[in-house]
């Protein structure tokens, strides 16, 4: 049981760090789950999501494309532009 507690605490700490970067709680939790609680991948995803959203793309389309492209910015951008 101790192992699960540690995992949970590191998950909370990761979420906290991402929230401090200004991401929304729901998005942070979703991103962490999508990437099996990898803070690095979740952070990349959230960063690109915000970037592409600022460019005027729809959030659901961005999510789909980022998952498809494994967070590769250039590839994801190409996909979004072609849509």
Protein backbone atom coordinates (compact mmCIF):
# COMPACT_ATOMS: atom_id res chain seq x y z
CA UNK A 1 0.00 0.00 0.00
CA UNK A 2 2.89 2.41 0.66
CA UNK A 3 3.80 2.30 -3.00
CA UNK A 4 0.38 3.56 -4.07
CA UNK A 5 0.57 6.41 -1.60
CA UNK A 6 3.92 7.50 -2.99
CA UNK A 7 2.58 7.34 -6.53
CA UNK A 8 -0.43 9.39 -5.51
CA UNK A 9 1.70 12.00 -3.76
CA UNK A 10 4.03 12.36 -6.73
CA UNK A 11 0.95 12.63 -8.95
CA UNK A 12 -0.42 15.42 -6.76
CA UNK A 13 2.95 17.20 -6.77
CA UNK A 14 3.13 16.95 -10.57
CA UNK A 15 -0.41 18.29 -10.91
CA UNK A 16 0.45 21.12 -8.57
CA UNK A 17 3.49 22.10 -10.62
CA UNK A 18 1.43 22.06 -13.82
CA UNK A 19 -1.36 24.10 -12.23
CA UNK A 20 1.22 26.69 -11.14
CA UNK A 21 2.14 27.05 -14.83
CA UNK A 22 -1.39 28.26 -15.39
CA UNK A 23 -3.10 25.20 -16.85
CA UNK A 24 -6.67 24.34 -15.86
CA UNK A 25 -7.19 21.58 -13.32
CA UNK A 26 -9.41 19.48 -15.57
CA UNK A 27 -6.88 19.63 -18.40
CA UNK A 28 -4.00 18.78 -16.09
CA UNK A 29 -5.78 15.70 -14.70
CA UNK A 30 -6.81 14.57 -18.17
CA UNK A 31 -3.29 15.01 -19.56
CA UNK A 32 -1.73 13.14 -16.65
CA UNK A 33 -4.11 10.22 -17.19
CA UNK A 34 -3.57 10.17 -20.96
CA UNK A 35 0.19 9.87 -20.49
CA UNK A 36 0.17 7.32 -17.65
CA UNK A 37 1.09 10.01 -15.14
CA UNK A 38 4.25 11.12 -16.93
CA UNK A 39 4.62 14.74 -15.88
CA UNK A 40 7.06 15.46 -18.72
CA UNK A 41 4.70 14.22 -21.43
CA UNK A 42 1.67 15.84 -19.82
CA UNK A 43 3.54 19.16 -19.64
CA UNK A 44 4.53 18.92 -23.33
CA UNK A 45 0.97 18.13 -24.26
CA UNK A 46 -0.50 21.01 -22.24
CA UNK A 47 2.07 23.42 -23.63
CA UNK A 48 1.30 22.47 -27.23
CA UNK A 49 -2.44 22.42 -26.55
CA UNK A 50 -2.26 26.01 -25.31
CA UNK A 51 -0.01 27.06 -28.20
CA UNK A 52 -2.26 25.61 -30.89
CA UNK A 53 -5.36 26.90 -29.15
CA UNK A 54 -3.87 30.41 -29.30
CA UNK A 55 -3.44 29.88 -33.04
CA UNK A 56 -7.19 29.40 -33.30
CA UNK A 57 -7.50 25.63 -33.58
CA UNK A 58 -10.30 23.77 -31.79
CA UNK A 59 -9.32 22.07 -28.56
CA UNK A 60 -10.83 18.66 -29.36
CA UNK A 61 -9.05 18.60 -32.74
CA UNK A 62 -5.75 19.57 -31.11
CA UNK A 63 -6.03 16.79 -28.52
CA UNK A 64 -6.76 14.21 -31.18
CA UNK A 65 -3.84 15.29 -33.35
CA UNK A 66 -1.36 15.54 -30.47
CA UNK A 67 -2.20 12.02 -29.34
CA UNK A 68 -1.88 10.79 -32.89
CA UNK A 69 1.49 12.49 -33.38
CA UNK A 70 2.86 11.75 -29.92
CA UNK A 71 3.30 15.43 -29.04
CA UNK A 72 5.48 16.15 -32.06
CA UNK A 73 4.90 19.84 -32.67
CA UNK A 74 5.72 20.08 -36.38
CA UNK A 75 3.84 16.94 -37.30
CA UNK A 76 0.81 17.98 -35.23
CA UNK A 77 0.80 21.44 -36.78
CA UNK A 78 0.86 19.94 -40.29
CA UNK A 79 -2.11 17.72 -39.41
CA UNK A 80 -4.07 20.64 -37.96
CA UNK A 81 -3.41 22.86 -40.96
CA UNK A 82 -4.55 20.11 -43.33
CA UNK A 83 -7.84 19.57 -41.46
